[in-house]
């Protein structure tokens, strides 16, 4: 077989992460196909002094071939990805992921490819995002006053959290543990899997199950690299991505449920959604959804957003 292309995969979480497990599954599937050259996997580039942003750029520029990225990091390339960042819009992960497996995902993938060198291989479940902090339980927007909250680099994430009463600050994931341990920032928002993997509970004993965003990760590869592959190799990449995607989603749903019990046993004060003033939280952020609906492309509103809200 000629053109035994080397493959370099990267992520930004440790070996215990379900994202890392699924990235490993993808790598093992590619290796088993015997259609590629050396396969190198860096599960956590931040442990090597690299930022998550640098990881994404390495794939966009072609020095790596495959990685996953939270959707908020890529909206600069594909503005309609903002539909995945709207607060309090997703009620069912199955409905959201089903739409992304269909026409909504095709639309977003095409937009991303038109404006970058990324090709979407799948959409991963990054869980419902919840709020934790080191000061007090949060039940309603007024409880957030005076708290600085860490979030990822998304303008809509920052705006929504500011509307809830926080002062939102962006840091790279490589800085997450430092800014929370130092007390520089008193709050953060993440899915429970990240809260657990980064041991945020060591500094944040309060978690409110707000589910304010449903996080979506894009599994992407470099488009030019993919195009350079033989049809047989392309099929192997797509098959490996599909297998890893199914595994990742299954693990994500299972872990979301199991972690609530595990964290409570650690002494974490978990405030369930039934005890939160959810209507008030939705109301103070509703203007963002209304405004973005006007700027998003009509197909993505119909194929994704309206499906979540009805």
C-alpha atoms as a PDB file:
ATOM      1  CA  UNK A   1       0.000   0.000   0.000  1.00  0.00           C
ATOM      2  CA  UNK A   2       1.454   3.351  -1.029  1.00  0.00           C
ATOM      3  CA  UNK A   3       0.767   6.640   0.704  1.00  0.00           C
ATOM      4  CA  UNK A   4       0.783   5.200   4.241  1.00  0.00           C
ATOM      5  CA  UNK A   5       0.033   8.591   5.752  1.00  0.00           C
ATOM      6  CA  UNK A   6       1.114   9.340   9.318  1.00  0.00           C
ATOM      7  CA  UNK A   7      -1.673  10.482  11.615  1.00  0.00           C
ATOM      8  CA  UNK A   8      -1.319  12.769  14.632  1.00  0.00           C
ATOM      9  CA  UNK A   9      -4.318  13.143  16.975  1.00  0.00           C
ATOM     10  CA  UNK A  10      -4.646  15.582  19.857  1.00  0.00           C
ATOM     11  CA  UNK A  11      -6.889  16.438  22.782  1.00  0.00           C
ATOM     12  CA  UNK A  12      -6.755  18.645  25.855  1.00  0.00           C
ATOM     13  CA  UNK A  13      -7.874  16.404  28.710  1.00  0.00           C
ATOM     14  CA  UNK A  14      -6.117  13.790  30.804  1.00  0.00           C
ATOM     15  CA  UNK A  15      -6.065  10.034  30.473  1.00  0.00           C
ATOM     16  CA  UNK A  16      -9.142   9.611  32.711  1.00  0.00           C
ATOM     17  CA  UNK A  17     -11.399  11.648  30.422  1.00  0.00           C
ATOM     18  CA  UNK A  18     -14.098  10.061  28.273  1.00  0.00           C
ATOM     19  CA  UNK A  19     -12.878  12.343  25.473  1.00  0.00           C
ATOM     20  CA  UNK A  20      -9.431  10.802  25.759  1.00  0.00           C
ATOM     21  CA  UNK A  21     -10.930   7.301  25.804  1.00  0.00           C
ATOM     22  CA  UNK A  22     -12.826   8.007  22.602  1.00  0.00           C
ATOM     23  CA  UNK A  23      -9.804   9.612  20.946  1.00  0.00           C
ATOM     24  CA  UNK A  24      -7.868   6.449  21.778  1.00  0.00           C
ATOM     25  CA  UNK A  25     -10.645   4.337  20.242  1.00  0.00           C
ATOM     26  CA  UNK A  26     -10.377   6.357  17.052  1.00  0.00           C
ATOM     27  CA  UNK A  27      -6.595   5.935  16.942  1.00  0.00           C
ATOM     28  CA  UNK A  28      -6.823   2.198  17.573  1.00  0.00           C
ATOM     29  CA  UNK A  29      -9.382   1.791  14.807  1.00  0.00           C
ATOM     30  CA  UNK A  30      -7.132   3.618  12.343  1.00  0.00           C
ATOM     31  CA  UNK A  31      -4.200   1.445  13.377  1.00  0.00           C
ATOM     32  CA  UNK A  32      -6.245  -1.744  12.998  1.00  0.00           C
ATOM     33  CA  UNK A  33      -7.135  -0.779   9.426  1.00  0.00           C
ATOM     34  CA  UNK A  34      -3.435  -1.086   8.480  1.00  0.00           C
ATOM     35  CA  UNK A  35      -3.977   1.724   5.987  1.00  0.00           C
ATOM     36  CA  UNK A  36      -1.896   4.372   7.717  1.00  0.00           C
ATOM     37  CA  UNK A  37       1.639   4.992   8.815  1.00  0.00           C
ATOM     38  CA  UNK A  38       2.672   5.871  12.393  1.00  0.00           C
ATOM     39  CA  UNK A  39      -0.213   7.044  14.574  1.00  0.00           C
ATOM     40  CA  UNK A  40       0.654   9.448  17.392  1.00  0.00           C
ATOM     41  CA  UNK A  41      -1.880  10.493  20.040  1.00  0.00           C
ATOM     42  CA  UNK A  42      -1.395  13.385  22.467  1.00  0.00           C
ATOM     43  CA  UNK A  43      -4.276  13.066  24.922  1.00  0.00           C
ATOM     44  CA  UNK A  44      -3.518  16.322  26.755  1.00  0.00           C
ATOM     45  CA  UNK A  45      -1.483  18.905  24.882  1.00  0.00           C
ATOM     46  CA  UNK A  46      -1.767  21.323  27.825  1.00  0.00           C
ATOM     47  CA  UNK A  47       0.448  18.985  29.868  1.00  0.00           C
ATOM     48  CA  UNK A  48       3.122  19.645  27.233  1.00  0.00           C
ATOM     49  CA  UNK A  49       2.833  23.426  27.498  1.00  0.00           C
ATOM     50  CA  UNK A  50       0.479  23.853  24.542  1.00  0.00           C
ATOM     51  CA  UNK A  51      -2.888  25.621  24.746  1.00  0.00           C
ATOM     52  CA  UNK A  52      -6.171  24.268  23.451  1.00  0.00           C
ATOM     53  CA  UNK A  53      -6.189  27.117  20.933  1.00  0.00           C
ATOM     54  CA  UNK A  54      -2.808  26.028  19.613  1.00  0.00           C
ATOM     55  CA  UNK A  55      -4.117  22.473  19.253  1.00  0.00           C
ATOM     56  CA  UNK A  56      -6.971  23.614  17.023  1.00  0.00           C
ATOM     57  CA  UNK A  57      -4.639  25.733  14.912  1.00  0.00           C
ATOM     58  CA  UNK A  58      -2.240  22.809  14.467  1.00  0.00           C
ATOM     59  CA  UNK A  59      -5.063  20.836  12.830  1.00  0.00           C
ATOM     60  CA  UNK A  60      -6.308  23.808  10.822  1.00  0.00           C
ATOM     61  CA  UNK A  61      -2.780  24.383   9.537  1.00  0.00           C
ATOM     62  CA  UNK A  62      -2.046  20.704   8.935  1.00  0.00           C
ATOM     63  CA  UNK A  63       0.757  19.901  11.386  1.00  0.00           C
ATOM     64  CA  UNK A  64      -1.735  17.605  13.139  1.00  0.00           C
ATOM     65  CA  UNK A  65      -4.551  15.757  11.455  1.00  0.00           C
ATOM     66  CA  UNK A  66      -7.351  15.175  14.007  1.00  0.00           C
ATOM     67  CA  UNK A  67      -8.620  16.758  17.238  1.00  0.00           C
ATOM     68  CA  UNK A  68     -11.817  17.638  19.054  1.00  0.00           C
ATOM     69  CA  UNK A  69     -12.855  21.218  19.837  1.00  0.00           C
ATOM     70  CA  UNK A  70     -15.689  22.784  21.819  1.00  0.00           C
ATOM     71  CA  UNK A  71     -18.009  24.503  19.359  1.00  0.00           C
ATOM     72  CA  UNK A  72     -17.497  27.914  20.946  1.00  0.00           C
ATOM     73  CA  UNK A  73     -13.867  27.914  19.882  1.00  0.00           C
ATOM     74  CA  UNK A  74     -14.817  27.645  16.202  1.00  0.00           C
ATOM     75  CA  UNK A  75     -17.646  30.170  15.764  1.00  0.00           C
ATOM     76  CA  UNK A  76     -15.151  32.635  14.277  1.00  0.00           C
ATOM     77  CA  UNK A  77     -14.937  30.316  11.271  1.00  0.00           C
ATOM     78  CA  UNK A  78     -18.581  29.258  11.113  1.00  0.00           C
ATOM     79  CA  UNK A  79     -20.937  31.894  12.599  1.00  0.00           C
ATOM     80  CA  UNK A  80     -23.922  29.531  12.600  1.00  0.00           C
ATOM     81  CA  UNK A  81     -22.136  27.411  15.235  1.00  0.00           C
ATOM     82  CA  UNK A  82     -23.435  30.099  17.594  1.00  0.00           C
ATOM     83  CA  UNK A  83     -26.736  28.198  17.529  1.00  0.00           C
ATOM     84  CA  UNK A  84     -25.035  25.617  19.776  1.00  0.00           C
ATOM     85  CA  UNK A  85     -24.110  28.302  22.318  1.00  0.00           C
ATOM     86  CA  UNK A  86     -27.525  29.777  23.057  1.00  0.00           C
ATOM     87  CA  UNK A  87     -28.504  29.688  26.743  1.00  0.00           C
ATOM     88  CA  UNK A  88     -31.324  27.494  28.059  1.00  0.00           C
ATOM     89  CA  UNK A  89     -32.396  26.233  24.615  1.00  0.00           C
ATOM     90  CA  UNK A  90     -31.606  22.491  24.752  1.00  0.00           C
ATOM     91  CA  UNK A  91     -33.885  20.266  26.808  1.00  0.00           C
ATOM     92  CA  UNK A  92     -32.958  16.876  25.349  1.00  0.00           C
ATOM     93  CA  UNK A  93     -29.468  15.747  24.375  1.00  0.00           C
ATOM     94  CA  UNK A  94     -31.022  13.124  22.065  1.00  0.00           C
ATOM     95  CA  UNK A  95     -32.946  15.788  20.149  1.00  0.00           C
ATOM     96  CA  UNK A  96     -29.886  17.999  19.844  1.00  0.00           C
ATOM     97  CA  UNK A  97     -27.534  15.242  18.716  1.00  0.00           C
ATOM     98  CA  UNK A  98     -30.146  13.817  16.359  1.00  0.00           C
ATOM     99  CA  UNK A  99     -30.374  17.151  14.570  1.00  0.00           C
ATOM    100  CA  UNK A 100     -26.582  17.345  14.342  1.00  0.00           C
ATOM    101  CA  UNK A 101     -26.468  13.875  12.791  1.00  0.00           C
ATOM    102  CA  UNK A 102     -28.823  15.154  10.094  1.00  0.00           C
ATOM    103  CA  UNK A 103     -29.275  18.302   8.045  1.00  0.00           C
ATOM    104  CA  UNK A 104     -28.250  20.716  10.811  1.00  0.00           C
ATOM    105  CA  UNK A 105     -24.866  19.044  11.165  1.00  0.00           C
ATOM    106  CA  UNK A 106     -24.379  18.974   7.401  1.00  0.00           C
ATOM    107  CA  UNK A 107     -25.096  22.701   7.213  1.00  0.00           C
ATOM    108  CA  UNK A 108     -22.651  23.530  10.011  1.00  0.00           C
ATOM    109  CA  UNK A 109     -19.969  21.249   8.593  1.00  0.00           C
ATOM    110  CA  UNK A 110     -20.228  22.844   5.173  1.00  0.00           C
ATOM    111  CA  UNK A 111     -19.992  26.350   6.638  1.00  0.00           C
ATOM    112  CA  UNK A 112     -16.919  25.412   8.681  1.00  0.00           C
ATOM    113  CA  UNK A 113     -15.144  23.844   5.701  1.00  0.00           C
ATOM    114  CA  UNK A 114     -15.867  26.887   3.529  1.00  0.00           C
ATOM    115  CA  UNK A 115     -14.094  29.174   5.995  1.00  0.00           C
ATOM    116  CA  UNK A 116     -11.273  26.998   7.337  1.00  0.00           C
ATOM    117  CA  UNK A 117      -9.289  23.836   6.693  1.00  0.00           C
ATOM    118  CA  UNK A 118     -11.423  21.842   9.133  1.00  0.00           C
ATOM    119  CA  UNK A 119     -13.597  18.923   8.087  1.00  0.00           C
ATOM    120  CA  UNK A 120     -16.196  17.727  10.614  1.00  0.00           C
ATOM    121  CA  UNK A 121     -16.015  14.003  11.348  1.00  0.00           C
ATOM    122  CA  UNK A 122     -18.640  13.966  14.091  1.00  0.00           C
ATOM    123  CA  UNK A 123     -20.389  15.839  16.874  1.00  0.00           C
ATOM    124  CA  UNK A 124     -19.557  14.802  20.436  1.00  0.00           C
ATOM    125  CA  UNK A 125     -21.591  15.223  23.596  1.00  0.00           C
ATOM    126  CA  UNK A 126     -19.822  17.627  25.967  1.00  0.00           C
ATOM    127  CA  UNK A 127     -22.669  17.485  28.456  1.00  0.00           C
ATOM    128  CA  UNK A 128     -24.959  20.054  29.960  1.00  0.00           C
ATOM    129  CA  UNK A 129     -22.877  22.808  31.487  1.00  0.00           C
ATOM    130  CA  UNK A 130     -23.455  23.703  35.127  1.00  0.00           C
ATOM    131  CA  UNK A 131     -22.150  26.367  37.494  1.00  0.00           C
ATOM    132  CA  UNK A 132     -19.836  25.799  40.442  1.00  0.00           C
ATOM    133  CA  UNK A 133     -18.316  28.260  42.854  1.00  0.00           C
ATOM    134  CA  UNK A 134     -16.302  28.564  46.047  1.00  0.00           C
ATOM    135  CA  UNK A 135     -18.520  31.027  47.938  1.00  0.00           C
ATOM    136  CA  UNK A 136     -22.177  29.955  48.291  1.00  0.00           C
ATOM    137  CA  UNK A 137     -24.962  27.923  46.687  1.00  0.00           C
ATOM    138  CA  UNK A 138     -26.488  29.654  43.664  1.00  0.00           C
ATOM    139  CA  UNK A 139     -30.279  29.376  43.380  1.00  0.00           C
ATOM    140  CA  UNK A 140     -31.207  32.530  41.462  1.00  0.00           C
ATOM    141  CA  UNK A 141     -29.555  35.337  39.464  1.00  0.00           C
ATOM    142  CA  UNK A 142     -29.113  37.584  42.501  1.00  0.00           C
ATOM    143  CA  UNK A 143     -26.924  34.906  44.134  1.00  0.00           C
ATOM    144  CA  UNK A 144     -24.267  35.471  41.465  1.00  0.00           C
ATOM    145  CA  UNK A 145     -23.489  39.077  42.398  1.00  0.00           C
ATOM    146  CA  UNK A 146     -19.818  39.748  43.006  1.00  0.00           C
ATOM    147  CA  UNK A 147     -18.648  36.432  41.575  1.00  0.00           C
ATOM    148  CA  UNK A 148     -16.150  36.309  38.724  1.00  0.00           C
ATOM    149  CA  UNK A 149     -16.732  33.241  36.575  1.00  0.00           C
ATOM    150  CA  UNK A 150     -14.343  31.464  34.235  1.00  0.00           C
ATOM    151  CA  UNK A 151     -15.678  30.445  30.850  1.00  0.00           C
ATOM    152  CA  UNK A 152     -14.270  29.504  27.463  1.00  0.00           C
ATOM    153  CA  UNK A 153     -13.606  31.955  24.666  1.00  0.00           C
ATOM    154  CA  UNK A 154     -17.128  32.559  23.406  1.00  0.00           C
ATOM    155  CA  UNK A 155     -18.724  35.994  23.252  1.00  0.00           C
ATOM    156  CA  UNK A 156     -22.188  34.504  23.756  1.00  0.00           C
ATOM    157  CA  UNK A 157     -21.058  32.458  26.764  1.00  0.00           C
ATOM    158  CA  UNK A 158     -19.646  35.605  28.365  1.00  0.00           C
ATOM    159  CA  UNK A 159     -22.748  37.654  27.570  1.00  0.00           C
ATOM    160  CA  UNK A 160     -25.134  35.035  28.959  1.00  0.00           C
ATOM    161  CA  UNK A 161     -23.146  34.649  32.175  1.00  0.00           C
ATOM    162  CA  UNK A 162     -22.940  38.411  32.588  1.00  0.00           C
ATOM    163  CA  UNK A 163     -26.719  38.578  32.127  1.00  0.00           C
ATOM    164  CA  UNK A 164     -27.049  36.057  34.957  1.00  0.00           C
ATOM    165  CA  UNK A 165     -25.150  38.499  37.177  1.00  0.00           C
ATOM    166  CA  UNK A 166     -21.615  37.118  37.023  1.00  0.00           C
ATOM    167  CA  UNK A 167     -18.535  38.890  35.764  1.00  0.00           C
ATOM    168  CA  UNK A 168     -17.412  36.528  33.019  1.00  0.00           C
ATOM    169  CA  UNK A 169     -13.711  36.045  32.291  1.00  0.00           C
ATOM    170  CA  UNK A 170     -12.159  33.878  29.580  1.00  0.00           C
ATOM    171  CA  UNK A 171      -9.117  31.730  30.263  1.00  0.00           C
ATOM    172  CA  UNK A 172      -7.648  28.865  28.303  1.00  0.00           C
ATOM    173  CA  UNK A 173      -8.373  25.443  29.745  1.00  0.00           C
ATOM    174  CA  UNK A 174      -4.658  25.169  30.573  1.00  0.00           C
ATOM    175  CA  UNK A 175      -5.163  27.986  33.123  1.00  0.00           C
ATOM    176  CA  UNK A 176      -8.390  26.647  34.624  1.00  0.00           C
ATOM    177  CA  UNK A 177      -7.045  24.964  37.737  1.00  0.00           C
ATOM    178  CA  UNK A 178      -4.662  27.806  38.557  1.00  0.00           C
ATOM    179  CA  UNK A 179      -7.231  30.623  38.485  1.00  0.00           C
ATOM    180  CA  UNK A 180      -9.690  28.622  40.587  1.00  0.00           C
ATOM    181  CA  UNK A 181      -7.156  27.465  43.154  1.00  0.00           C
ATOM    182  CA  UNK A 182      -5.793  30.991  43.599  1.00  0.00           C
ATOM    183  CA  UNK A 183      -9.293  32.413  44.108  1.00  0.00           C
ATOM    184  CA  UNK A 184      -8.659  34.892  41.307  1.00  0.00           C
ATOM    185  CA  UNK A 185     -11.965  33.652  39.909  1.00  0.00           C
ATOM    186  CA  UNK A 186     -14.622  32.361  42.299  1.00  0.00           C
ATOM    187  CA  UNK A 187     -16.864  30.501  39.851  1.00  0.00           C
ATOM    188  CA  UNK A 188     -16.691  28.432  36.677  1.00  0.00           C
ATOM    189  CA  UNK A 189     -19.057  26.618  34.344  1.00  0.00           C
ATOM    190  CA  UNK A 190     -18.439  23.208  32.816  1.00  0.00           C
ATOM    191  CA  UNK A 191     -20.060  19.821  32.341  1.00  0.00           C
ATOM    192  CA  UNK A 192     -19.794  17.575  35.376  1.00  0.00           C
ATOM    193  CA  UNK A 193     -17.217  15.389  33.656  1.00  0.00           C
ATOM    194  CA  UNK A 194     -14.795  18.330  33.520  1.00  0.00           C
ATOM    195  CA  UNK A 195     -15.674  19.389  37.071  1.00  0.00           C
ATOM    196  CA  UNK A 196     -14.610  15.915  38.118  1.00  0.00           C
ATOM    197  CA  UNK A 197     -11.611  15.380  35.824  1.00  0.00           C
ATOM    198  CA  UNK A 198     -10.011  18.713  36.689  1.00  0.00           C
ATOM    199  CA  UNK A 199     -10.792  18.108  40.388  1.00  0.00           C
ATOM    200  CA  UNK A 200     -12.594  21.427  40.599  1.00  0.00           C
ATOM    201  CA  UNK A 201     -14.442  20.074  43.637  1.00  0.00           C
ATOM    202  CA  UNK A 202     -11.235  20.596  45.606  1.00  0.00           C
ATOM    203  CA  UNK A 203     -11.879  24.356  45.449  1.00  0.00           C
ATOM    204  CA  UNK A 204     -15.582  24.552  44.581  1.00  0.00           C
ATOM    205  CA  UNK A 205     -17.951  22.811  47.016  1.00  0.00           C
ATOM    206  CA  UNK A 206     -21.111  24.295  45.438  1.00  0.00           C
ATOM    207  CA  UNK A 207     -22.644  23.123  42.150  1.00  0.00           C
ATOM    208  CA  UNK A 208     -25.924  24.341  40.653  1.00  0.00           C
ATOM    209  CA  UNK A 209     -27.371  22.103  37.938  1.00  0.00           C
ATOM    210  CA  UNK A 210     -28.364  24.973  35.678  1.00  0.00           C
ATOM    211  CA  UNK A 211     -27.836  23.158  32.372  1.00  0.00           C
ATOM    212  CA  UNK A 212     -27.549  26.646  30.881  1.00  0.00           C
ATOM    213  CA  UNK A 213     -25.696  25.373  27.804  1.00  0.00           C
ATOM    214  CA  UNK A 214     -25.553  21.964  26.197  1.00  0.00           C
ATOM    215  CA  UNK A 215     -21.949  21.577  25.179  1.00  0.00           C
ATOM    216  CA  UNK A 216     -21.133  20.207  21.756  1.00  0.00           C
ATOM    217  CA  UNK A 217     -17.658  19.183  20.654  1.00  0.00           C
ATOM    218  CA  UNK A 218     -16.712  18.917  17.025  1.00  0.00           C
ATOM    219  CA  UNK A 219     -14.431  16.059  16.025  1.00  0.00           C
ATOM    220  CA  UNK A 220     -12.483  17.551  13.144  1.00  0.00           C
ATOM    221  CA  UNK A 221      -9.656  16.697  10.799  1.00  0.00           C
ATOM    222  CA  UNK A 222      -7.610  18.723   8.355  1.00  0.00           C
ATOM    223  CA  UNK A 223      -9.569  18.913   5.098  1.00  0.00           C
ATOM    224  CA  UNK A 224      -6.527  18.941   2.789  1.00  0.00           C
ATOM    225  CA  UNK A 225      -5.108  15.871   4.527  1.00  0.00           C
ATOM    226  CA  UNK A 226      -8.439  14.042   4.204  1.00  0.00           C
ATOM    227  CA  UNK A 227      -8.667  14.941   0.518  1.00  0.00           C
ATOM    228  CA  UNK A 228      -5.166  13.550  -0.043  1.00  0.00           C
ATOM    229  CA  UNK A 229      -6.188  10.108   1.217  1.00  0.00           C
ATOM    230  CA  UNK A 230      -7.323   7.231  -0.943  1.00  0.00           C
ATOM    231  CA  UNK A 231     -11.028   6.402  -0.921  1.00  0.00           C
ATOM    232  CA  UNK A 232     -10.261   3.346   1.200  1.00  0.00           C
ATOM    233  CA  UNK A 233      -8.397   5.476   3.738  1.00  0.00           C
ATOM    234  CA  UNK A 234     -11.189   8.066   3.799  1.00  0.00           C
ATOM    235  CA  UNK A 235     -13.694   5.308   4.492  1.00  0.00           C
ATOM    236  CA  UNK A 236     -11.492   4.068   7.348  1.00  0.00           C
ATOM    237  CA  UNK A 237     -11.324   7.556   8.862  1.00  0.00           C
ATOM    238  CA  UNK A 238     -15.096   7.991   8.654  1.00  0.00           C
ATOM    239  CA  UNK A 239     -15.729   4.541  10.135  1.00  0.00           C
ATOM    240  CA  UNK A 240     -13.279   5.136  12.992  1.00  0.00           C
ATOM    241  CA  UNK A 241     -14.851   8.530  13.697  1.00  0.00           C
ATOM    242  CA  UNK A 242     -18.354   7.036  13.750  1.00  0.00           C
ATOM    243  CA  UNK A 243     -17.277   4.317  16.195  1.00  0.00           C
ATOM    244  CA  UNK A 244     -15.542   6.813  18.483  1.00  0.00           C
ATOM    245  CA  UNK A 245     -18.518   9.177  18.332  1.00  0.00           C
ATOM    246  CA  UNK A 246     -20.975   6.488  19.394  1.00  0.00           C
ATOM    247  CA  UNK A 247     -18.717   5.459  22.272  1.00  0.00           C
ATOM    248  CA  UNK A 248     -18.205   9.045  23.413  1.00  0.00           C
ATOM    249  CA  UNK A 249     -21.927   9.814  23.486  1.00  0.00           C
ATOM    250  CA  UNK A 250     -22.738   6.653  25.428  1.00  0.00           C
ATOM    251  CA  UNK A 251     -20.048   7.396  28.002  1.00  0.00           C
ATOM    252  CA  UNK A 252     -21.143  11.034  28.312  1.00  0.00           C
ATOM    253  CA  UNK A 253     -24.742  10.163  29.159  1.00  0.00           C
ATOM    254  CA  UNK A 254     -23.695   7.467  31.613  1.00  0.00           C
ATOM    255  CA  UNK A 255     -21.160   9.657  33.360  1.00  0.00           C
ATOM    256  CA  UNK A 256     -23.524  12.624  33.744  1.00  0.00           C
ATOM    257  CA  UNK A 257     -25.844  10.510  35.872  1.00  0.00           C
ATOM    258  CA  UNK A 258     -23.160   8.645  37.833  1.00  0.00           C
ATOM    259  CA  UNK A 259     -21.200  11.778  38.720  1.00  0.00           C
ATOM    260  CA  UNK A 260     -24.098  13.430  40.538  1.00  0.00           C
ATOM    261  CA  UNK A 261     -24.090  10.562  43.027  1.00  0.00           C
ATOM    262  CA  UNK A 262     -20.297  10.382  43.237  1.00  0.00           C
ATOM    263  CA  UNK A 263     -19.843  14.116  43.797  1.00  0.00           C
ATOM    264  CA  UNK A 264     -22.548  14.237  46.462  1.00  0.00           C
ATOM    265  CA  UNK A 265     -20.665  11.480  48.281  1.00  0.00           C
ATOM    266  CA  UNK A 266     -17.562  13.684  48.158  1.00  0.00           C
ATOM    267  CA  UNK A 267     -19.458  16.322  50.104  1.00  0.00           C
ATOM    268  CA  UNK A 268     -20.266  18.604  47.189  1.00  0.00           C
ATOM    269  CA  UNK A 269     -23.440  20.627  47.717  1.00  0.00           C
ATOM    270  CA  UNK A 270     -25.448  19.950  44.554  1.00  0.00           C
ATOM    271  CA  UNK A 271     -28.455  22.168  43.906  1.00  0.00           C
ATOM    272  CA  UNK A 272     -30.813  20.327  41.499  1.00  0.00           C
ATOM    273  CA  UNK A 273     -32.656  22.194  38.781  1.00  0.00           C
ATOM    274  CA  UNK A 274     -35.933  21.698  40.679  1.00  0.00           C
ATOM    275  CA  UNK A 275     -34.616  24.019  43.409  1.00  0.00           C
ATOM    276  CA  UNK A 276     -33.340  26.687  41.012  1.00  0.00           C
ATOM    277  CA  UNK A 277     -35.307  29.699  39.818  1.00  0.00           C
ATOM    278  CA  UNK A 278     -34.978  28.510  36.235  1.00  0.00           C
ATOM    279  CA  UNK A 279     -37.666  30.827  34.860  1.00  0.00           C
ATOM    280  CA  UNK A 280     -35.768  33.853  36.159  1.00  0.00           C
ATOM    281  CA  UNK A 281     -32.543  32.592  34.634  1.00  0.00           C
ATOM    282  CA  UNK A 282     -34.195  32.022  31.285  1.00  0.00           C
ATOM    283  CA  UNK A 283     -35.855  35.413  31.384  1.00  0.00           C
ATOM    284  CA  UNK A 284     -32.658  37.411  31.914  1.00  0.00           C
ATOM    285  CA  UNK A 285     -30.952  35.637  29.018  1.00  0.00           C
ATOM    286  CA  UNK A 286     -33.917  35.361  26.616  1.00  0.00           C
ATOM    287  CA  UNK A 287     -32.940  38.516  24.737  1.00  0.00           C
ATOM    288  CA  UNK A 288     -29.772  36.761  23.537  1.00  0.00           C
ATOM    289  CA  UNK A 289     -31.753  33.937  21.957  1.00  0.00           C
ATOM    290  CA  UNK A 290     -34.180  36.402  20.367  1.00  0.00           C
ATOM    291  CA  UNK A 291     -31.356  38.519  18.946  1.00  0.00           C
ATOM    292  CA  UNK A 292     -29.299  35.592  17.621  1.00  0.00           C
ATOM    293  CA  UNK A 293     -32.351  34.077  15.980  1.00  0.00           C
ATOM    294  CA  UNK A 294     -32.393  37.148  13.716  1.00  0.00           C
ATOM    295  CA  UNK A 295     -28.732  36.775  12.665  1.00  0.00           C
ATOM    296  CA  UNK A 296     -28.504  33.007  12.254  1.00  0.00           C
ATOM    297  CA  UNK A 297     -29.121  31.482   8.844  1.00  0.00           C
ATOM    298  CA  UNK A 298     -32.730  30.426   8.350  1.00  0.00           C
ATOM    299  CA  UNK A 299     -31.863  26.740   7.709  1.00  0.00           C
ATOM    300  CA  UNK A 300     -30.029  26.333  11.010  1.00  0.00           C
ATOM    301  CA  UNK A 301     -32.867  28.007  12.927  1.00  0.00           C
ATOM    302  CA  UNK A 302     -35.348  25.576  11.383  1.00  0.00           C
ATOM    303  CA  UNK A 303     -33.146  22.477  11.471  1.00  0.00           C
ATOM    304  CA  UNK A 304     -31.739  22.921  14.969  1.00  0.00           C
ATOM    305  CA  UNK A 305     -33.000  25.756  17.161  1.00  0.00           C
ATOM    306  CA  UNK A 306     -36.733  25.378  16.587  1.00  0.00           C
ATOM    307  CA  UNK A 307     -36.480  21.620  17.210  1.00  0.00           C
ATOM    308  CA  UNK A 308     -35.058  22.278  20.693  1.00  0.00           C
ATOM    309  CA  UNK A 309     -37.620  24.895  21.714  1.00  0.00           C
ATOM    310  CA  UNK A 310     -40.752  23.000  20.679  1.00  0.00           C
END
